[in-house]
Amino acid sequence: MDNLYEDFTRMIDRAAEILKLDRTQYEFAKYPEREMIVSIPVKMDDGTVNIFKGYRVQHSSLLGPYKGGVRFDPAVDHDSMRALAGLMTLKCTLAGLPFGGAKGGVAVDPESLSPDELVRLTRRFTAMILPVIGPDVDIPSPDIGTDAAVMGWIMDTYSMMGGRAIPGIVTGKPVELGGSLGRTEATGRGAVYILKDTMKRLKLLQDRSTAVVVGFGKVGRSAALSMYDEGIRIVGLADSSGGIRREEGLDVPDISEFKLAGGRLRDYTAAGVEHVTVKDVLTTPCTILAPCAGNAMINEQNASDIQAQIVLECGNAQITMAGNELLEQREITVIPDLVATTGGVIVDYFERVQNVQSLMWDEYEVNRMMKNLLLKTFDKVWETAGRENLSLRMASFVLALEKVCEAKRIRGIFP
């Protein structure tokens, strides 16, 4: 089985080799600064108490407070949190954001919990990691299995402990509590901004292109709707329940409403819609494949079956190192998560600025600024990849690692 943390450290080593860095200059970037593992007792609705395992991994504080998502997912484990925290450091650094990387979560299926159990789990987890988070220390945000409501509960729990409202403890919270307009759609929308730029560079026409989106949660739904609005024909969608396909194109807005009402794709029906497995959707012939679900979705076992010209990595670590190498060998353009998913954390930064300065930007302004910063970042990655004959993924790692190491050189080692 692929180990995300081993993949991360190997990519760091490769980037350091390209940069001709000595071990003492870069090895720190492979290891988190702080790791917390907690046991979380939660009283269930039937009166029993279950113990859940939780994590908060803080990778780097070189450039600012730790920043990273909280996910509630059965696949959450120590190594995945370490890898995703490290990737978050590189992502923030690449975009020039004043954050370091962190990641946290609880090994749990949130759909197995009642609404009250979910609230109790969230509040107890927040209390357990309270010593290592704070608006100037570590700022959580939504991830797989969490949303604005969960961020609101984290904010309230932290605020109760502090005796006052502290909206800056989280980002991605409800707008009514100081959240930013446009945050929910930011990751998927930002990925499509970069996709459109890539298609221009590759001379691909949007109205003649097809797309498949695997994972139809917050990010996948936003990405699919954005592509649909751009005239790209969506021929396949999948969620954890299964997949649907339609060669003539799917009605994404209708499917989105169906999902928001609590439906699953396996139960969606419409004229011409074919029900298939997730694997069938993943390997559907298309111009663009956008994986937006669990880690390691594309790997050594299935990368050879991918039939897309572009793979848009819309979630963290969707593609393993071995899987990525196979895609590169087949000359499939891979837009890596280090740039593709940056829209979310960019708007997290905007939310933090709005909280600190008591501002409220409208959604148009948020999207305009996010797009501008995203495309500037991607342009540097594309130019570096071409100049140094690197993949977009390796170019992203090289640029980010170089900046992180320079920050470490300047700051030095204490004492």
Protein backbone atom coordinates (compact mmCIF):
# COMPACT_ATOMS: atom_id res chain seq x y z
CA MET A 1 0.00 0.00 0.00
CA ASP A 2 1.24 3.50 -0.87
CA ASN A 3 2.51 5.59 2.04
CA LEU A 4 1.82 9.28 1.53
CA TYR A 5 4.53 10.40 3.93
CA GLU A 6 7.20 8.28 2.22
CA ASP A 7 6.11 9.75 -1.12
CA PHE A 8 6.39 13.25 0.34
CA THR A 9 9.91 12.75 1.69
CA ARG A 10 11.08 11.17 -1.58
CA MET A 11 9.77 14.17 -3.52
CA ILE A 12 11.62 16.49 -1.15
CA ASP A 13 14.83 14.52 -1.76
CA ARG A 14 14.37 14.73 -5.54
CA ALA A 15 13.66 18.46 -5.47
CA ALA A 16 16.73 19.01 -3.27
CA GLU A 17 18.87 17.05 -5.73
CA ILE A 18 17.69 19.27 -8.59
CA LEU A 19 18.46 22.37 -6.48
CA LYS A 20 21.86 20.86 -5.56
CA LEU A 21 21.16 21.38 -1.86
CA ASP A 22 23.29 19.88 0.88
CA ARG A 23 21.45 17.63 3.35
CA THR A 24 21.81 20.19 6.16
CA GLN A 25 20.12 22.82 3.99
CA TYR A 26 16.88 20.95 3.33
CA GLU A 27 16.41 17.89 5.55
CA PHE A 28 14.38 19.86 8.11
CA ALA A 29 11.61 20.17 5.48
CA LYS A 30 10.96 16.43 5.64
CA TYR A 31 9.90 16.46 9.30
CA PRO A 32 7.07 18.15 11.24
CA GLU A 33 7.98 20.59 14.00
CA ARG A 34 5.28 19.28 16.33
CA GLU A 35 2.85 16.37 16.39
CA MET A 36 -0.07 15.78 18.73
CA ILE A 37 -2.04 12.54 18.98
CA VAL A 38 -5.15 12.59 21.15
CA SER A 39 -7.71 10.09 22.41
CA ILE A 40 -11.17 11.61 22.23
CA PRO A 41 -13.93 10.22 24.47
CA VAL A 42 -17.40 10.93 23.10
CA LYS A 43 -20.70 10.09 24.77
CA MET A 44 -22.93 8.50 22.16
CA ASP A 45 -26.67 8.92 21.96
CA ASP A 46 -27.25 5.46 23.48
CA GLY A 47 -25.27 6.40 26.60
CA THR A 48 -22.10 4.46 25.73
CA VAL A 49 -18.70 6.16 25.38
CA ASN A 50 -16.56 5.66 22.28
CA ILE A 51 -12.90 6.62 22.05
CA PHE A 52 -11.75 8.16 18.75
CA LYS A 53 -8.16 8.83 17.71
CA GLY A 54 -7.30 12.35 16.58
CA TYR A 55 -4.25 14.19 15.27
CA ARG A 56 -2.85 17.67 14.78
CA VAL A 57 0.47 17.77 12.92
CA GLN A 58 2.27 21.11 12.61
CA HIS A 59 4.89 20.97 9.90
CA SER A 60 6.43 24.45 9.69
CA SER A 61 6.11 27.88 11.28
CA LEU A 62 8.94 29.47 9.30
CA LEU A 63 6.74 31.93 7.44
CA GLY A 64 3.76 32.38 9.75
CA PRO A 65 1.09 30.56 11.75
CA TYR A 66 0.41 26.92 10.94
CA LYS A 67 -2.50 26.54 8.52
CA GLY A 68 -4.36 23.44 7.45
CA GLY A 69 -7.54 21.47 7.32
CA VAL A 70 -9.32 19.25 9.79
CA ARG A 71 -10.75 16.09 8.25
CA PHE A 72 -13.14 13.54 9.70
CA ASP A 73 -12.53 10.38 7.71
CA PRO A 74 -11.91 6.68 8.46
CA ALA A 75 -8.62 6.87 6.49
CA VAL A 76 -7.09 9.50 8.80
CA ASP A 77 -3.83 8.22 10.26
CA HIS A 78 -0.51 9.57 11.51
CA ASP A 79 1.48 9.29 8.28
CA SER A 80 -1.23 10.81 6.10
CA MET A 81 -1.47 13.80 8.45
CA ARG A 82 2.33 14.23 8.36
CA ALA A 83 2.39 14.16 4.57
CA LEU A 84 -0.55 16.53 4.14
CA ALA A 85 0.89 18.99 6.67
CA GLY A 86 4.14 19.06 4.70
CA LEU A 87 2.32 19.56 1.42
CA MET A 88 0.42 22.45 3.01
CA THR A 89 3.70 24.16 3.90
CA LEU A 90 4.86 23.90 0.30
CA LYS A 91 1.50 25.04 -1.07
CA CYS A 92 1.41 28.18 1.08
CA THR A 93 5.05 28.95 0.34
CA LEU A 94 4.58 28.50 -3.41
CA ALA A 95 1.70 31.00 -3.43
CA GLY A 96 3.59 33.46 -1.20
CA LEU A 97 1.09 33.21 1.66
CA PRO A 98 2.29 34.05 5.21
CA PHE A 99 1.44 30.60 6.60
CA GLY A 100 3.15 27.36 7.48
CA GLY A 101 1.56 23.96 7.02
CA ALA A 102 -0.53 21.83 9.37
CA LYS A 103 -3.12 19.09 9.14
CA GLY A 104 -5.40 17.40 11.59
CA GLY A 105 -8.33 15.11 11.87
CA VAL A 106 -10.17 12.28 13.49
CA ALA A 107 -10.38 8.69 12.27
CA VAL A 108 -14.17 8.49 12.00
CA ASP A 109 -16.90 8.22 9.40
CA PRO A 110 -18.96 11.35 10.10
CA GLU A 111 -21.99 9.80 8.38
CA SER A 112 -22.06 7.14 11.11
CA LEU A 113 -22.65 9.82 13.76
CA SER A 114 -25.87 11.54 14.67
CA PRO A 115 -25.89 15.36 14.46
CA ASP A 116 -25.51 15.60 18.26
CA GLU A 117 -22.66 13.08 18.31
CA LEU A 118 -20.86 15.05 15.59
CA VAL A 119 -21.11 18.24 17.65
CA ARG A 120 -19.79 16.50 20.77
CA LEU A 121 -16.90 14.94 18.83
CA THR A 122 -15.96 18.29 17.29
CA ARG A 123 -16.04 20.16 20.59
CA ARG A 124 -14.08 17.51 22.49
CA PHE A 125 -11.46 17.28 19.71
CA THR A 126 -11.12 21.06 19.82
CA ALA A 127 -10.65 20.98 23.59
CA MET A 128 -7.99 18.25 23.25
CA ILE A 129 -5.88 20.21 20.74
CA LEU A 130 -6.53 23.57 22.43
CA PRO A 131 -2.94 23.89 23.74
CA VAL A 132 -1.46 23.93 20.22
CA ILE A 133 -3.95 26.04 18.20
CA GLY A 134 -4.72 29.76 18.18
CA PRO A 135 -5.40 32.64 15.77
CA ASP A 136 -1.68 33.50 15.71
CA VAL A 137 -0.42 29.94 16.19
CA ASP A 138 -2.41 27.37 14.19
CA ILE A 139 -5.60 28.09 12.26
CA PRO A 140 -7.75 25.07 11.24
CA SER A 141 -10.02 25.03 8.18
CA PRO A 142 -12.50 22.59 6.56
CA ASP A 143 -11.39 19.42 4.79
CA ILE A 144 -12.88 16.03 3.94
CA GLY A 145 -15.84 15.29 6.20
CA THR A 146 -15.96 18.77 7.73
CA ASP A 147 -17.63 22.00 6.65
CA ALA A 148 -18.51 25.53 7.72
CA ALA A 149 -20.77 24.23 10.50
CA VAL A 150 -17.90 22.22 12.02
CA MET A 151 -15.66 25.29 11.86
CA GLY A 152 -18.37 27.24 13.67
CA TRP A 153 -18.38 24.70 16.50
CA ILE A 154 -14.58 24.84 16.74
CA MET A 155 -14.75 28.64 16.88
CA ASP A 156 -17.42 28.59 19.57
CA THR A 157 -15.54 26.04 21.69
CA TYR A 158 -12.30 28.01 21.48
CA SER A 159 -14.12 31.29 22.15
CA MET A 160 -15.82 29.88 25.25
CA MET A 161 -12.42 28.89 26.61
CA GLY A 162 -11.12 32.40 25.90
CA GLY A 163 -14.11 34.23 27.33
CA ARG A 164 -14.75 36.25 24.16
CA ALA A 165 -15.54 35.80 20.47
CA ILE A 166 -12.37 34.77 18.60
CA PRO A 167 -13.39 34.41 14.94
CA GLY A 168 -9.77 34.21 13.76
CA ILE A 169 -9.24 30.76 15.28
CA VAL A 170 -10.62 29.11 12.10
CA THR A 171 -11.25 29.91 8.46
CA GLY A 172 -13.98 28.47 6.27
CA LYS A 173 -16.57 29.25 8.95
CA PRO A 174 -20.10 30.51 8.23
CA VAL A 175 -20.27 34.01 6.77
CA GLU A 176 -22.54 35.00 9.68
CA LEU A 177 -19.61 34.29 12.06
CA GLY A 178 -17.02 36.20 10.03
CA GLY A 179 -16.38 33.75 7.21
CA SER A 180 -15.50 34.92 3.71
CA LEU A 181 -17.85 34.97 0.77
CA GLY A 182 -16.68 32.54 -1.89
CA ARG A 183 -14.80 30.22 0.47
CA THR A 184 -16.98 27.14 -0.04
CA GLU A 185 -16.45 27.17 -3.82
CA ALA A 186 -12.86 28.49 -3.76
CA THR A 187 -10.90 25.24 -4.13
CA GLY A 188 -12.93 23.88 -7.04
CA ARG A 189 -13.33 27.25 -8.71
CA GLY A 190 -9.62 28.00 -8.38
CA ALA A 191 -8.71 24.63 -9.90
CA VAL A 192 -10.82 25.48 -12.96
CA TYR A 193 -9.11 28.88 -13.32
CA ILE A 194 -5.82 27.00 -13.64
CA LEU A 195 -7.38 24.37 -15.91
CA LYS A 196 -8.57 27.06 -18.34
CA ASP A 197 -5.10 28.59 -18.41
CA THR A 198 -3.58 25.17 -19.11
CA MET A 199 -6.04 24.48 -21.93
CA LYS A 200 -5.09 27.79 -23.58
CA ARG A 201 -1.42 26.84 -23.39
CA LEU A 202 -2.18 23.41 -24.88
CA LYS A 203 -4.55 24.92 -27.48
CA LEU A 204 -7.55 22.86 -26.32
CA LEU A 205 -11.03 24.29 -26.95
CA GLN A 206 -13.42 24.22 -23.98
CA ASP A 207 -16.55 23.62 -26.05
CA ARG A 208 -14.93 20.57 -27.66
CA SER A 209 -13.63 19.10 -24.43
CA THR A 210 -15.10 16.56 -22.05
CA ALA A 211 -14.52 16.05 -18.34
CA VAL A 212 -14.92 13.42 -15.66
CA VAL A 213 -15.06 14.33 -11.96
CA VAL A 214 -14.46 11.63 -9.36
CA GLY A 215 -15.61 12.80 -5.94
CA PHE A 216 -18.71 14.99 -5.76
CA GLY A 217 -18.37 16.68 -2.39
CA LYS A 218 -17.63 20.35 -1.81
CA VAL A 219 -14.64 20.54 -4.15
CA GLY A 220 -15.84 18.14 -6.83
CA ARG A 221 -19.25 19.75 -7.04
CA SER A 222 -17.75 23.23 -7.34
CA ALA A 223 -15.23 22.10 -9.98
CA ALA A 224 -17.90 20.28 -12.00
CA LEU A 225 -20.26 23.28 -11.91
CA SER A 226 -17.44 25.65 -12.92
CA MET A 227 -16.43 23.44 -15.86
CA TYR A 228 -20.08 23.05 -16.89
CA ASP A 229 -20.50 26.84 -16.86
CA GLU A 230 -17.42 27.14 -19.10
CA GLY A 231 -19.00 24.92 -21.73
CA ILE A 232 -17.01 21.78 -20.95
CA ARG A 233 -19.17 18.67 -21.36
CA ILE A 234 -19.24 16.60 -18.14
CA VAL A 235 -19.56 12.97 -19.20
CA GLY A 236 -18.92 11.22 -15.88
CA LEU A 237 -19.37 11.81 -12.16
CA ALA A 238 -18.72 9.59 -9.15
CA ASP A 239 -19.12 9.70 -5.39
CA SER A 240 -18.62 7.07 -2.70
CA SER A 241 -21.88 5.36 -3.70
CA GLY A 242 -20.99 4.80 -7.36
CA GLY A 243 -20.78 6.55 -10.69
CA ILE A 244 -22.92 7.87 -13.54
CA ARG A 245 -22.07 8.54 -17.17
CA ARG A 246 -23.73 10.09 -20.18
CA GLU A 247 -21.79 10.60 -23.42
CA GLU A 248 -24.00 13.54 -24.46
CA GLY A 249 -23.24 15.25 -21.15
CA LEU A 250 -24.74 15.31 -17.66
CA ASP A 251 -26.98 18.02 -16.23
CA VAL A 252 -24.56 19.07 -13.49
CA PRO A 253 -26.76 21.77 -11.89
CA ASP A 254 -29.63 19.27 -11.54
CA ILE A 255 -27.31 16.62 -10.10
CA SER A 256 -25.83 19.18 -7.71
CA GLU A 257 -29.28 20.05 -6.38
CA PHE A 258 -30.01 16.34 -5.98
CA LYS A 259 -26.79 15.87 -3.95
CA LEU A 260 -27.41 18.95 -1.80
CA ALA A 261 -30.83 17.51 -0.93
CA GLY A 262 -29.09 14.43 0.49
CA GLY A 263 -29.14 12.18 -2.55
CA ARG A 264 -26.42 9.79 -3.74
CA LEU A 265 -25.33 9.37 -7.33
CA ARG A 266 -26.32 5.70 -7.31
CA ASP A 267 -29.94 6.85 -6.88
CA TYR A 268 -29.88 9.63 -9.49
CA THR A 269 -31.99 8.96 -12.57
CA ALA A 270 -32.42 10.89 -15.80
CA ALA A 271 -32.80 10.08 -19.49
CA GLY A 272 -29.68 8.47 -20.93
CA VAL A 273 -27.81 8.27 -17.60
CA GLU A 274 -25.82 5.05 -17.18
CA HIS A 275 -24.99 3.73 -13.71
CA VAL A 276 -21.45 2.34 -13.43
CA THR A 277 -18.72 1.75 -10.84
CA VAL A 278 -16.33 4.43 -9.61
CA LYS A 279 -13.52 2.60 -11.45
CA ASP A 280 -15.51 2.80 -14.69
CA VAL A 281 -15.88 6.56 -14.28
CA LEU A 282 -12.19 6.98 -13.42
CA THR A 283 -11.14 5.27 -16.66
CA THR A 284 -13.71 6.93 -18.94
CA PRO A 285 -12.15 8.48 -22.09
CA CYS A 286 -12.14 12.27 -21.66
CA THR A 287 -10.12 15.44 -22.11
CA ILE A 288 -9.97 16.24 -18.38
CA LEU A 289 -10.02 13.93 -15.38
CA ALA A 290 -10.50 15.69 -12.04
CA PRO A 291 -9.97 13.42 -9.00
CA CYS A 292 -11.48 15.13 -5.93
CA ALA A 293 -11.90 12.36 -3.37
CA GLY A 294 -9.69 10.25 -1.10
CA ASN A 295 -5.91 10.04 -1.04
CA ALA A 296 -4.06 7.86 -3.58
CA MET A 297 -7.01 7.61 -5.97
CA ILE A 298 -4.67 7.26 -8.94
CA ASN A 299 -1.87 4.82 -8.23
CA GLU A 300 0.45 2.26 -9.76
CA GLN A 301 -2.42 -0.21 -10.21
CA ASN A 302 -4.72 2.02 -12.26
CA ALA A 303 -2.63 4.86 -13.76
CA SER A 304 -2.11 2.89 -16.97
CA ASP A 305 -5.90 2.74 -17.45
CA ILE A 306 -6.45 6.52 -17.28
CA GLN A 307 -7.73 7.85 -20.63
CA ALA A 308 -7.42 11.63 -20.24
CA GLN A 309 -5.23 14.34 -21.75
CA ILE A 310 -5.16 16.37 -18.53
CA VAL A 311 -5.42 15.20 -14.93
CA LEU A 312 -6.49 18.05 -12.65
CA GLU A 313 -5.59 17.01 -9.08
CA CYS A 314 -8.44 18.69 -7.23
CA GLY A 315 -7.70 17.16 -3.82
CA ASN A 316 -4.67 16.59 -1.62
CA ALA A 317 -2.43 13.68 -2.64
CA GLN A 318 -4.90 12.18 -5.10
CA ILE A 319 -2.04 10.69 -7.13
CA THR A 320 0.73 8.56 -5.67
CA MET A 321 4.34 9.05 -6.70
CA ALA A 322 4.32 5.79 -8.70
CA GLY A 323 1.01 6.68 -10.32
CA ASN A 324 2.29 10.12 -11.26
CA GLU A 325 5.38 8.63 -12.92
CA LEU A 326 3.20 6.38 -15.07
CA LEU A 327 1.04 9.33 -16.14
CA GLU A 328 4.15 11.33 -17.05
CA GLN A 329 5.54 8.43 -19.09
CA ARG A 330 2.29 8.45 -21.07
CA GLU A 331 2.67 12.24 -21.59
CA ILE A 332 -0.53 13.04 -19.75
CA THR A 333 -0.43 16.60 -18.37
CA VAL A 334 -0.83 16.50 -14.59
CA ILE A 335 -1.79 19.74 -12.83
CA PRO A 336 -0.62 18.94 -9.27
CA ASP A 337 -2.50 19.70 -6.09
CA LEU A 338 0.24 22.09 -4.94
CA VAL A 339 -1.20 24.61 -7.40
CA ALA A 340 -4.60 23.14 -8.35
CA THR A 341 -6.04 23.26 -4.82
CA THR A 342 -4.48 26.55 -3.71
CA GLY A 343 -7.66 28.59 -4.22
CA GLY A 344 -9.05 27.38 -0.90
CA VAL A 345 -6.08 28.45 1.22
CA ILE A 346 -5.80 31.75 -0.66
CA VAL A 347 -9.37 32.59 0.36
CA ASP A 348 -8.52 31.33 3.88
CA TYR A 349 -5.85 34.03 3.89
CA PHE A 350 -8.39 36.61 2.68
CA GLU A 351 -10.74 35.52 5.47
CA ARG A 352 -7.98 36.00 8.05
CA VAL A 353 -7.26 39.49 6.71
CA GLN A 354 -10.96 40.37 6.85
CA ASN A 355 -11.19 39.11 10.45
CA VAL A 356 -8.11 41.03 11.60
CA GLN A 357 -9.13 44.27 9.89
CA SER A 358 -12.92 43.94 10.39
CA LEU A 359 -13.52 43.99 6.63
CA MET A 360 -16.03 42.22 4.39
CA TRP A 361 -15.18 41.92 0.70
CA ASP A 362 -17.87 40.94 -1.80
CA GLU A 363 -17.59 37.64 -3.66
CA TYR A 364 -16.55 39.27 -6.92
CA GLU A 365 -13.56 40.90 -5.25
CA VAL A 366 -12.59 37.69 -3.45
CA ASN A 367 -12.68 35.72 -6.71
CA ARG A 368 -10.82 38.41 -8.64
CA MET A 369 -7.96 38.54 -6.15
CA MET A 370 -7.83 34.76 -5.82
CA LYS A 371 -7.66 34.26 -9.59
CA ASN A 372 -4.91 36.86 -9.95
CA LEU A 373 -2.70 35.25 -7.29
CA LEU A 374 -3.40 31.72 -8.55
CA LEU A 375 -2.48 32.46 -12.15
CA LYS A 376 0.69 34.31 -11.15
CA THR A 377 1.74 31.28 -9.12
CA PHE A 378 0.89 28.84 -11.92
CA ASP A 379 2.77 30.94 -14.47
CA LYS A 380 5.96 30.59 -12.42
CA VAL A 381 5.44 26.83 -12.17
CA TRP A 382 4.80 26.45 -15.91
CA GLU A 383 7.81 28.59 -16.82
CA THR A 384 10.10 26.66 -14.45
CA ALA A 385 8.86 23.32 -15.77
CA GLY A 386 9.62 24.34 -19.35
CA ARG A 387 12.99 25.91 -18.62
CA GLU A 388 14.28 23.05 -16.47
CA ASN A 389 12.51 20.24 -18.37
CA LEU A 390 10.54 19.20 -15.28
CA SER A 391 7.00 18.00 -14.71
CA LEU A 392 4.60 20.56 -13.26
CA ARG A 393 4.64 18.61 -9.99
CA MET A 394 8.41 18.61 -9.69
CA ALA A 395 8.60 22.27 -10.71
CA SER A 396 6.13 23.07 -7.90
CA PHE A 397 8.22 21.17 -5.36
CA VAL A 398 11.46 22.78 -6.54
CA LEU A 399 10.09 26.34 -6.35
CA ALA A 400 8.46 25.81 -2.95
CA LEU A 401 11.42 23.98 -1.39
CA GLU A 402 13.82 26.65 -2.57
CA LYS A 403 11.76 29.35 -0.85
CA VAL A 404 11.36 27.32 2.36
CA CYS A 405 15.09 26.63 2.56
CA GLU A 406 15.93 30.27 1.96
CA ALA A 407 13.62 31.28 4.82
CA LYS A 408 15.34 28.73 7.06
CA ARG A 409 18.78 30.02 6.05
CA ILE A 410 17.78 33.59 6.90
CA ARG A 411 16.19 32.71 10.23
CA GLY A 412 18.92 30.28 11.26
CA ILE A 413 18.73 27.70 14.02
CA PHE A 414 17.89 28.59 17.63
CA PRO A 415 19.81 28.77 19.92
